[in-house]
Amino acid sequence: MNTIDISIKNFANSLEKPSNRWYAMVFLLAIVALFGMYALVRQFLDGQIITGMRDNAVWGIYTANFVFFMGLSYAGALISCAGQLLRIKWIKPLMRMAELLTVSSLIVGAPFILFCLGRLDRIHFLFLHGRIQSPITWDVIAISTDLVFCIAFLYFTHIRDFAKLRDYPDLKVANWRKKMYKILALGYKGTDEQKKYLHQAHDIMAAIIIPTAIIAYSLLSLLFSMSLRPGWHSTIFSPYFVVTAGYSGLALLVVIMWIYRKNRKLEAYITNLHFNYLAFGLVLLSFIYAYFTFSEYLTDWYNQTKTFNMLLDKFFDFNQYAGLSVFHIVFAFIVPVIVLGFPWLRTINNVTLVSLFIVIALWVKRYLIVVPTLETPYIPIQDVRSDFVHYSVSWVEWALSFSGIAVMILIFTVASKIAPIIPVSEVEDAQNLEKPMILFKTKGD
């Protein structure tokens, strides 16, 4: 990464008095979030009958959202923690966005699995009386632990920037915010000893978070693959879920980069180099993802049982899920390889647009994993109402889904008003770093 002039004063304007546009955006996001809360209250009072979930399709877009947001959190954690441990200089300006992606996705995504429960008033039993033999109990433990570690890592990476904001005399913010920066800086003065301990804390947390995130998402995949349902019972689901998570998270990070680059005038910090590098990563992941997807469908096709055939027929029937399947294949495989693989098509706007469609296509894939499988019974069902067998999304589920997206955007909006979205201290370190720091010394070093 080329040397650039980076200091806290370059970001002071974005942290000072919010504009009317900022307040309007926060107000709109809050309205969407509150409407989701209203929908949740209606579901609590009226029961699951006001959702699209029924006896067969006991899960729906709540579960698809849960899997999707958990995947985003894993990808953000992997990007930020790998950048920290490997001392990748060019990725430093993106690390805070990746860290916020991790935390916001965990906060938004985890409740979606609880919305599937019929008795929300008994949620506390899951924590008080959970069976240690159950994968769900281990999933709760893993996600909770991952959230604590990721919030701690996000805070640790903010400490030095909080100290810079505390010591910057021309920062025009309210007194309570100056006091907040002073408290959050934890007395950091930039001494060599403090830098050493803080770097060690970053490395330790990063080294813990990567395996924790992989374990959490692998446990989530086991909730599906350990069942005997066609479409779920697969030995490749854990690596498949991890690859899909990295693919969707990297694509969303590109979209977030473009938004902040455009609105905050960050062209000097988020450059064409960043979009090119991430585009190469997306192309590589698209091939890996295509390999896993092809293996999954090939295995199901080769298994000539009646239930497997019924499930596959749904993906080729345009009256059912063929439209979504074609959309997923086109925008998760074909378009990324064509647009991102050729230099003359790989512009910043094209990379961002393709990334947005990748995110949507991979959410569609989560939906296709959940719903068609549940609509394919082991035993043929006769004389049953269609809405008992087939799933359709209700307004309550859409309201809570858009509410989750609004809360995630709101977290980014507020967090980037408290501290610079570009980690100033991290970028300074990257520019001053002539060679990577050695994490583990061998004998004779």
Protein backbone atom coordinates (compact mmCIF):
# COMPACT_ATOMS: atom_id res chain seq x y z
CA MET A 1 0.00 0.00 0.00
CA ASN A 2 1.37 3.42 -0.95
CA THR A 3 2.24 5.90 1.80
CA ILE A 4 -0.64 8.29 2.48
CA ASP A 5 -1.17 11.17 4.86
CA ILE A 6 -3.28 9.68 7.62
CA SER A 7 -4.10 11.39 10.89
CA ILE A 8 -7.12 11.74 13.11
CA LYS A 9 -7.77 15.27 11.81
CA ASN A 10 -8.60 13.85 8.38
CA PHE A 11 -11.61 12.09 9.92
CA ALA A 12 -12.69 14.72 12.45
CA ASN A 13 -15.42 16.17 10.23
CA SER A 14 -17.12 12.80 9.85
CA LEU A 15 -17.25 12.41 13.65
CA GLU A 16 -18.50 15.85 14.54
CA LYS A 17 -22.04 17.25 14.43
CA PRO A 18 -24.27 14.92 12.39
CA SER A 19 -26.00 16.35 9.34
CA ASN A 20 -29.75 16.43 8.80
CA ARG A 21 -29.28 13.66 6.25
CA TRP A 22 -27.64 11.49 8.91
CA TYR A 23 -30.51 12.08 11.34
CA ALA A 24 -33.06 11.30 8.62
CA MET A 25 -31.31 8.04 7.81
CA VAL A 26 -31.17 7.00 11.47
CA PHE A 27 -34.85 7.90 11.89
CA LEU A 28 -35.85 5.84 8.84
CA LEU A 29 -33.81 2.84 9.99
CA ALA A 30 -35.31 3.12 13.47
CA ILE A 31 -38.83 3.11 12.01
CA VAL A 32 -38.09 -0.07 10.04
CA ALA A 33 -36.58 -1.68 13.16
CA LEU A 34 -39.59 -0.68 15.30
CA PHE A 35 -41.99 -2.09 12.72
CA GLY A 36 -40.11 -5.37 13.03
CA MET A 37 -40.56 -5.21 16.80
CA TYR A 38 -44.30 -4.72 16.25
CA ALA A 39 -44.34 -7.80 14.01
CA LEU A 40 -42.52 -9.78 16.71
CA VAL A 41 -45.08 -8.71 19.31
CA ARG A 42 -47.90 -9.81 16.99
CA GLN A 43 -46.18 -13.18 16.53
CA PHE A 44 -45.76 -13.55 20.29
CA LEU A 45 -49.43 -12.75 20.96
CA ASP A 46 -51.03 -14.61 18.05
CA GLY A 47 -48.58 -17.49 17.72
CA GLN A 48 -46.84 -19.07 14.73
CA ILE A 49 -50.10 -19.17 12.78
CA ILE A 50 -49.46 -15.63 11.47
CA THR A 51 -46.17 -16.78 9.91
CA GLY A 52 -45.79 -19.07 6.90
CA MET A 53 -44.36 -21.91 9.00
CA ARG A 54 -46.55 -25.00 9.29
CA ASP A 55 -46.35 -28.69 10.24
CA ASN A 56 -44.09 -29.61 7.32
CA ALA A 57 -42.18 -26.39 6.63
CA VAL A 58 -41.38 -25.76 10.27
CA TRP A 59 -38.59 -23.37 9.22
CA GLY A 60 -38.56 -20.58 6.65
CA ILE A 61 -36.75 -17.34 5.99
CA TYR A 62 -36.00 -16.97 9.71
CA THR A 63 -33.66 -19.95 9.44
CA ALA A 64 -32.32 -18.79 6.06
CA ASN A 65 -31.55 -15.39 7.64
CA PHE A 66 -29.92 -17.05 10.64
CA VAL A 67 -27.60 -19.15 8.49
CA PHE A 68 -26.87 -16.19 6.20
CA PHE A 69 -25.97 -13.68 8.93
CA MET A 70 -23.90 -16.23 10.84
CA GLY A 71 -21.93 -16.78 7.64
CA LEU A 72 -21.32 -13.05 7.25
CA SER A 73 -19.98 -12.88 10.79
CA TYR A 74 -17.57 -15.74 10.15
CA ALA A 75 -16.25 -14.09 6.99
CA GLY A 76 -15.72 -10.75 8.71
CA ALA A 77 -13.89 -12.44 11.57
CA LEU A 78 -11.64 -14.38 9.22
CA ILE A 79 -10.72 -11.30 7.16
CA SER A 80 -9.95 -9.04 10.12
CA CYS A 81 -8.17 -11.67 12.23
CA ALA A 82 -6.12 -13.02 9.33
CA GLY A 83 -5.09 -9.45 8.47
CA GLN A 84 -3.98 -8.97 12.06
CA LEU A 85 -2.01 -12.20 12.39
CA LEU A 86 -0.39 -12.15 8.95
CA ARG A 87 0.38 -8.40 9.05
CA ILE A 88 -1.16 -7.84 5.62
CA LYS A 89 -0.50 -4.15 5.00
CA TRP A 90 -3.01 -3.47 2.23
CA ILE A 91 -5.94 -4.90 4.20
CA LYS A 92 -5.49 -2.59 7.21
CA PRO A 93 -7.91 0.14 5.97
CA LEU A 94 -10.63 -2.51 5.64
CA MET A 95 -10.22 -4.22 8.99
CA ARG A 96 -12.66 -2.06 10.96
CA MET A 97 -15.38 -2.60 8.37
CA ALA A 98 -14.76 -6.35 8.59
CA GLU A 99 -14.86 -6.24 12.39
CA LEU A 100 -18.13 -4.29 12.39
CA LEU A 101 -19.51 -6.76 9.85
CA THR A 102 -18.69 -9.58 12.26
CA VAL A 103 -20.26 -8.02 15.36
CA SER A 104 -23.35 -6.59 13.65
CA SER A 105 -24.07 -9.89 11.86
CA LEU A 106 -23.83 -11.82 15.12
CA ILE A 107 -26.10 -9.37 16.94
CA VAL A 108 -28.69 -9.38 14.14
CA GLY A 109 -28.45 -13.02 13.05
CA ALA A 110 -28.57 -14.92 16.34
CA PRO A 111 -32.16 -13.89 17.32
CA PHE A 112 -33.59 -15.21 14.03
CA ILE A 113 -33.32 -18.81 15.17
CA LEU A 114 -35.29 -17.87 18.30
CA PHE A 115 -38.11 -16.45 16.17
CA CYS A 116 -38.76 -20.01 14.96
CA LEU A 117 -39.75 -21.07 18.46
CA GLY A 118 -43.43 -21.36 19.25
CA ARG A 119 -43.04 -20.27 22.87
CA LEU A 120 -40.73 -17.28 23.09
CA ASP A 121 -41.60 -16.99 26.79
CA ARG A 122 -39.61 -20.19 27.36
CA ILE A 123 -36.38 -19.10 25.69
CA HIS A 124 -34.59 -19.02 29.04
CA PHE A 125 -35.07 -22.80 29.34
CA LEU A 126 -32.62 -23.16 26.44
CA PHE A 127 -29.91 -21.69 28.68
CA LEU A 128 -31.04 -23.18 31.98
CA HIS A 129 -31.91 -26.71 30.90
CA GLY A 130 -30.11 -27.28 27.61
CA ARG A 131 -28.94 -30.86 27.00
CA ILE A 132 -25.19 -31.08 26.50
CA GLN A 133 -25.76 -33.89 23.97
CA SER A 134 -27.72 -31.55 21.69
CA PRO A 135 -25.95 -29.75 18.79
CA ILE A 136 -28.28 -26.79 19.46
CA THR A 137 -26.84 -26.37 22.97
CA TRP A 138 -23.31 -26.40 21.58
CA ASP A 139 -24.40 -23.92 18.90
CA VAL A 140 -25.67 -21.53 21.58
CA ILE A 141 -22.40 -21.87 23.50
CA ALA A 142 -20.26 -21.37 20.37
CA ILE A 143 -22.20 -18.34 19.08
CA SER A 144 -22.29 -16.67 22.51
CA THR A 145 -18.56 -17.22 22.99
CA ASP A 146 -17.82 -15.98 19.48
CA LEU A 147 -19.85 -12.81 20.08
CA VAL A 148 -17.99 -12.01 23.32
CA PHE A 149 -14.59 -12.54 21.68
CA CYS A 150 -15.50 -10.49 18.58
CA ILE A 151 -16.80 -7.54 20.63
CA ALA A 152 -13.62 -7.64 22.72
CA PHE A 153 -11.45 -7.72 19.58
CA LEU A 154 -13.41 -4.81 18.07
CA TYR A 155 -12.88 -2.78 21.23
CA PHE A 156 -9.17 -3.58 21.49
CA THR A 157 -8.61 -2.35 17.93
CA HIS A 158 -10.35 0.92 18.83
CA ILE A 159 -8.34 1.79 21.94
CA ARG A 160 -5.51 3.66 20.20
CA ASP A 161 -7.94 5.62 18.02
CA PHE A 162 -9.96 6.51 21.11
CA ALA A 163 -6.72 7.86 22.62
CA LYS A 164 -6.08 9.94 19.48
CA LEU A 165 -9.60 11.37 19.66
CA ARG A 166 -9.13 12.11 23.35
CA ASP A 167 -5.91 14.03 22.68
CA TYR A 168 -7.06 15.88 19.54
CA PRO A 169 -7.75 19.47 20.72
CA ASP A 170 -9.76 20.63 17.70
CA LEU A 171 -12.39 17.89 17.82
CA LYS A 172 -15.79 19.63 17.96
CA VAL A 173 -17.96 17.14 19.81
CA ALA A 174 -20.08 17.28 22.96
CA ASN A 175 -18.36 17.08 26.34
CA TRP A 176 -19.94 13.72 27.09
CA ARG A 177 -18.28 12.26 24.00
CA LYS A 178 -14.89 13.64 25.05
CA LYS A 179 -15.36 12.01 28.45
CA MET A 180 -16.41 8.80 26.71
CA TYR A 181 -13.22 8.78 24.61
CA LYS A 182 -11.18 9.36 27.76
CA ILE A 183 -12.80 6.40 29.51
CA LEU A 184 -12.63 4.07 26.52
CA ALA A 185 -8.95 4.88 25.89
CA LEU A 186 -8.11 3.21 29.22
CA GLY A 187 -5.28 5.62 29.91
CA TYR A 188 -3.40 4.67 26.73
CA LYS A 189 -0.41 7.01 26.20
CA GLY A 190 1.40 5.29 23.35
CA THR A 191 4.36 4.02 25.36
CA ASP A 192 6.40 1.13 24.00
CA GLU A 193 5.20 -1.15 26.78
CA GLN A 194 1.55 -0.32 26.13
CA LYS A 195 1.97 -0.90 22.39
CA LYS A 196 3.60 -4.25 23.06
CA TYR A 197 0.82 -5.48 25.36
CA LEU A 198 -1.93 -4.18 23.08
CA HIS A 199 -0.40 -5.90 20.03
CA GLN A 200 -0.14 -9.12 22.02
CA ALA A 201 -3.80 -8.80 23.03
CA HIS A 202 -4.78 -8.29 19.37
CA ASP A 203 -2.82 -11.37 18.30
CA ILE A 204 -4.19 -13.58 21.07
CA MET A 205 -7.79 -12.56 20.38
CA ALA A 206 -7.35 -13.03 16.62
CA ALA A 207 -5.82 -16.47 17.14
CA ILE A 208 -8.78 -17.46 19.33
CA ILE A 209 -11.52 -16.01 17.14
CA ILE A 210 -10.61 -17.78 13.88
CA PRO A 211 -11.07 -21.36 15.19
CA THR A 212 -14.03 -20.27 17.33
CA ALA A 213 -15.83 -18.85 14.30
CA ILE A 214 -15.10 -21.96 12.22
CA ILE A 215 -16.35 -24.22 15.02
CA ALA A 216 -19.51 -22.13 15.49
CA TYR A 217 -20.41 -22.24 11.80
CA SER A 218 -19.50 -25.91 11.47
CA LEU A 219 -21.78 -26.72 14.40
CA LEU A 220 -24.53 -24.82 12.62
CA SER A 221 -24.07 -26.99 9.53
CA LEU A 222 -24.29 -30.12 11.70
CA LEU A 223 -27.84 -29.15 12.67
CA PHE A 224 -28.72 -29.88 9.04
CA SER A 225 -26.33 -32.63 8.00
CA MET A 226 -26.92 -34.88 11.03
CA SER A 227 -30.55 -35.31 10.03
CA LEU A 228 -31.51 -37.96 7.48
CA ARG A 229 -33.46 -35.57 5.27
CA PRO A 230 -32.58 -35.61 1.56
CA GLY A 231 -30.87 -32.34 0.72
CA TRP A 232 -29.36 -32.00 4.19
CA HIS A 233 -27.76 -35.34 5.00
CA SER A 234 -24.30 -34.69 3.56
CA THR A 235 -20.72 -35.11 4.71
CA ILE A 236 -19.57 -31.94 2.91
CA PHE A 237 -22.00 -29.54 4.59
CA SER A 238 -19.49 -28.18 7.11
CA PRO A 239 -16.79 -27.13 4.58
CA TYR A 240 -19.55 -26.13 2.15
CA PHE A 241 -21.06 -23.78 4.76
CA VAL A 242 -17.65 -22.32 5.61
CA VAL A 243 -16.80 -21.62 1.94
CA THR A 244 -20.26 -20.11 1.34
CA ALA A 245 -19.81 -17.90 4.39
CA GLY A 246 -16.46 -16.59 3.19
CA TYR A 247 -17.85 -15.99 -0.30
CA SER A 248 -20.90 -13.99 0.83
CA GLY A 249 -18.98 -12.08 3.51
CA LEU A 250 -16.23 -11.01 1.13
CA ALA A 251 -18.85 -9.86 -1.39
CA LEU A 252 -20.70 -7.81 1.23
CA LEU A 253 -17.43 -6.25 2.39
CA VAL A 254 -16.90 -4.97 -1.16
CA VAL A 255 -20.35 -3.33 -1.09
CA ILE A 256 -19.61 -1.72 2.29
CA MET A 257 -16.24 -0.47 1.00
CA TRP A 258 -17.91 1.15 -2.01
CA ILE A 259 -20.55 2.89 0.13
CA TYR A 260 -18.04 4.42 2.55
CA ARG A 261 -15.61 5.27 -0.23
CA LYS A 262 -18.37 7.14 -2.03
CA ASN A 263 -19.99 8.90 0.93
CA ARG A 264 -16.91 9.67 3.02
CA LYS A 265 -14.52 10.52 0.14
CA LEU A 266 -12.07 7.77 1.11
CA GLU A 267 -10.48 7.28 -2.30
CA ALA A 268 -7.00 7.78 -0.82
CA TYR A 269 -7.53 4.94 1.66
CA ILE A 270 -9.79 2.51 -0.23
CA THR A 271 -8.18 2.29 -3.63
CA ASN A 272 -8.60 0.39 -6.87
CA LEU A 273 -5.99 -2.04 -5.51
CA HIS A 274 -8.38 -3.14 -2.76
CA PHE A 275 -11.21 -3.81 -5.20
CA ASN A 276 -8.86 -5.76 -7.50
CA TYR A 277 -7.52 -7.93 -4.70
CA LEU A 278 -10.99 -8.72 -3.37
CA ALA A 279 -12.24 -9.37 -6.91
CA PHE A 280 -9.52 -12.02 -7.32
CA GLY A 281 -10.62 -13.51 -4.00
CA LEU A 282 -14.24 -13.63 -5.18
CA VAL A 283 -13.27 -15.39 -8.42
CA LEU A 284 -11.29 -18.00 -6.49
CA LEU A 285 -14.14 -18.57 -4.03
CA SER A 286 -16.66 -18.80 -6.87
CA PHE A 287 -14.78 -21.78 -8.32
CA ILE A 288 -14.51 -23.48 -4.92
CA TYR A 289 -18.17 -22.78 -4.22
CA ALA A 290 -19.16 -24.15 -7.67
CA TYR A 291 -17.21 -27.33 -6.95
CA PHE A 292 -19.03 -27.93 -3.65
CA THR A 293 -22.43 -27.12 -5.16
CA PHE A 294 -21.87 -29.44 -8.13
CA SER A 295 -20.76 -32.21 -5.76
CA GLU A 296 -23.87 -31.74 -3.66
CA TYR A 297 -26.29 -31.91 -6.59
CA LEU A 298 -24.41 -34.76 -8.27
CA THR A 299 -24.64 -36.87 -5.11
CA ASP A 300 -28.38 -36.21 -4.80
CA TRP A 301 -28.95 -36.99 -8.49
CA TYR A 302 -27.01 -40.25 -8.30
CA ASN A 303 -29.08 -41.38 -5.31
CA GLN A 304 -32.08 -42.76 -7.20
CA THR A 305 -34.54 -42.82 -4.31
CA LYS A 306 -38.02 -41.39 -4.69
CA THR A 307 -37.56 -38.65 -2.12
CA PHE A 308 -34.31 -37.42 -3.64
CA ASN A 309 -35.94 -37.31 -7.07
CA MET A 310 -38.89 -35.35 -5.68
CA LEU A 311 -36.50 -32.80 -4.20
CA LEU A 312 -34.46 -32.40 -7.38
CA ASP A 313 -37.61 -32.04 -9.46
CA LYS A 314 -38.48 -28.93 -7.45
CA PHE A 315 -35.26 -27.25 -8.59
CA PHE A 316 -36.13 -27.84 -12.27
CA ASP A 317 -39.81 -26.93 -12.10
CA PHE A 318 -40.43 -23.26 -12.92
CA ASN A 319 -43.72 -23.48 -11.04
CA GLN A 320 -41.71 -24.16 -7.91
CA TYR A 321 -38.01 -23.27 -7.43
CA ALA A 322 -36.40 -23.35 -10.87
CA GLY A 323 -36.49 -19.54 -11.13
CA LEU A 324 -34.60 -19.12 -7.86
CA SER A 325 -32.20 -21.91 -8.81
CA VAL A 326 -31.34 -20.27 -12.14
CA PHE A 327 -30.88 -16.89 -10.43
CA HIS A 328 -28.53 -18.50 -7.90
CA ILE A 329 -26.45 -20.29 -10.55
CA VAL A 330 -26.17 -17.22 -12.82
CA PHE A 331 -25.17 -14.71 -10.15
CA ALA A 332 -23.14 -16.98 -7.87
CA PHE A 333 -21.11 -18.70 -10.62
CA ILE A 334 -21.40 -17.40 -14.17
CA VAL A 335 -21.53 -13.60 -13.82
CA PRO A 336 -18.73 -13.32 -11.20
CA VAL A 337 -16.33 -15.39 -13.32
CA ILE A 338 -17.09 -13.40 -16.50
CA VAL A 339 -17.08 -9.88 -15.02
CA LEU A 340 -14.41 -10.28 -12.35
CA GLY A 341 -12.18 -12.59 -14.35
CA PHE A 342 -11.48 -10.18 -17.23
CA PRO A 343 -9.48 -6.98 -16.52
CA TRP A 344 -11.40 -4.78 -18.98
CA LEU A 345 -14.66 -5.52 -17.13
CA ARG A 346 -13.21 -5.28 -13.63
CA THR A 347 -14.03 -1.68 -12.74
CA ILE A 348 -14.84 -0.56 -9.20
CA ASN A 349 -18.54 -0.13 -9.99
CA ASN A 350 -18.76 -3.50 -11.78
CA VAL A 351 -17.02 -5.30 -8.93
CA THR A 352 -19.44 -3.73 -6.46
CA LEU A 353 -22.54 -4.50 -8.51
CA VAL A 354 -21.50 -8.12 -9.02
CA SER A 355 -20.74 -8.41 -5.30
CA LEU A 356 -24.22 -7.17 -4.45
CA PHE A 357 -25.78 -9.82 -6.68
CA ILE A 358 -23.51 -12.47 -5.14
CA VAL A 359 -24.83 -11.55 -1.69
CA ILE A 360 -28.44 -11.84 -2.89
CA ALA A 361 -27.77 -15.10 -4.74
CA LEU A 362 -26.17 -16.69 -1.68
CA TRP A 363 -29.12 -15.67 0.48
CA VAL A 364 -31.33 -17.37 -2.12
CA LYS A 365 -29.14 -20.47 -1.78
CA ARG A 366 -29.77 -20.52 1.98
CA TYR A 367 -33.49 -20.33 1.26
CA LEU A 368 -33.21 -23.20 -1.23
CA ILE A 369 -31.39 -25.30 1.36
CA VAL A 370 -34.10 -24.80 3.97
CA VAL A 371 -37.55 -24.63 2.36
CA PRO A 372 -37.65 -27.15 -0.54
CA THR A 373 -36.19 -29.85 1.70
CA LEU A 374 -38.88 -29.31 4.33
CA GLU A 375 -41.56 -29.37 1.64
CA THR A 376 -40.37 -32.83 0.47
CA PRO A 377 -41.85 -35.43 2.84
CA TYR A 378 -40.55 -38.95 3.30
CA ILE A 379 -44.03 -40.34 2.86
CA PRO A 380 -46.50 -38.93 0.29
CA ILE A 381 -49.13 -36.75 1.92
CA GLN A 382 -52.73 -36.97 0.77
CA ASP A 383 -55.89 -34.95 1.45
CA VAL A 384 -54.01 -32.15 3.21
CA ARG A 385 -54.52 -28.42 2.65
CA SER A 386 -51.88 -26.93 0.35
CA ASP A 387 -50.84 -24.26 2.85
CA PHE A 388 -50.03 -27.00 5.37
CA VAL A 389 -47.54 -28.56 2.96
CA HIS A 390 -46.13 -25.54 1.11
CA TYR A 391 -44.39 -22.57 2.65
CA SER A 392 -45.13 -18.94 1.80
CA VAL A 393 -43.56 -15.95 3.52
CA SER A 394 -45.91 -13.80 5.61
CA TRP A 395 -45.71 -10.06 6.25
CA VAL A 396 -44.46 -10.78 9.78
CA GLU A 397 -41.42 -12.65 8.49
CA TRP A 398 -40.64 -9.99 5.88
CA ALA A 399 -40.99 -7.27 8.52
CA LEU A 400 -38.55 -8.97 10.87
CA SER A 401 -36.13 -9.69 8.01
CA PHE A 402 -36.00 -6.06 6.87
CA SER A 403 -35.82 -5.00 10.51
CA GLY A 404 -32.68 -7.10 10.92
CA ILE A 405 -31.09 -5.46 7.88
CA ALA A 406 -32.04 -2.03 9.25
CA VAL A 407 -30.46 -2.79 12.64
CA MET A 408 -27.27 -3.96 10.94
CA ILE A 409 -27.04 -0.75 8.89
CA LEU A 410 -27.85 1.26 12.02
CA ILE A 411 -24.93 -0.33 13.89
CA PHE A 412 -22.58 0.66 11.06
CA THR A 413 -24.07 4.17 10.90
CA VAL A 414 -23.69 4.87 14.62
CA ALA A 415 -20.32 3.11 15.03
CA SER A 416 -18.76 5.09 12.17
CA LYS A 417 -19.93 8.29 13.88
CA ILE A 418 -18.18 7.35 17.12
CA ALA A 419 -14.81 6.38 15.64
CA PRO A 420 -13.24 6.59 12.15
CA ILE A 421 -14.30 3.78 9.83
CA ILE A 422 -10.65 3.62 8.74
CA PRO A 423 -8.49 2.38 11.67
CA VAL A 424 -6.02 5.27 11.81
CA SER A 425 -3.53 3.64 14.16
CA GLU A 426 -3.53 0.36 12.24
CA VAL A 427 -2.86 2.10 8.92
CA GLU A 428 -0.06 4.13 10.52
CA ASP A 429 1.54 0.91 11.78
CA ALA A 430 1.23 -0.68 8.33
CA GLN A 431 3.00 2.25 6.72
CA ASN A 432 5.80 2.20 9.28
CA LEU A 433 6.20 -1.58 9.09
CA GLU A 434 9.15 -2.47 6.86
CA LYS A 435 8.87 -6.19 7.42
CA PRO A 436 6.25 -8.45 9.04
CA MET A 437 6.48 -8.92 12.78
CA ILE A 438 7.52 -12.43 13.84
CA LEU A 439 4.79 -14.08 15.88
CA PHE A 440 6.78 -17.15 16.89
CA LYS A 441 10.55 -17.17 16.97
CA THR A 442 12.50 -20.33 16.30
CA LYS A 443 15.74 -21.22 18.01
CA GLY A 444 18.56 -19.11 16.67
CA ASP A 445 16.40 -16.10 15.63
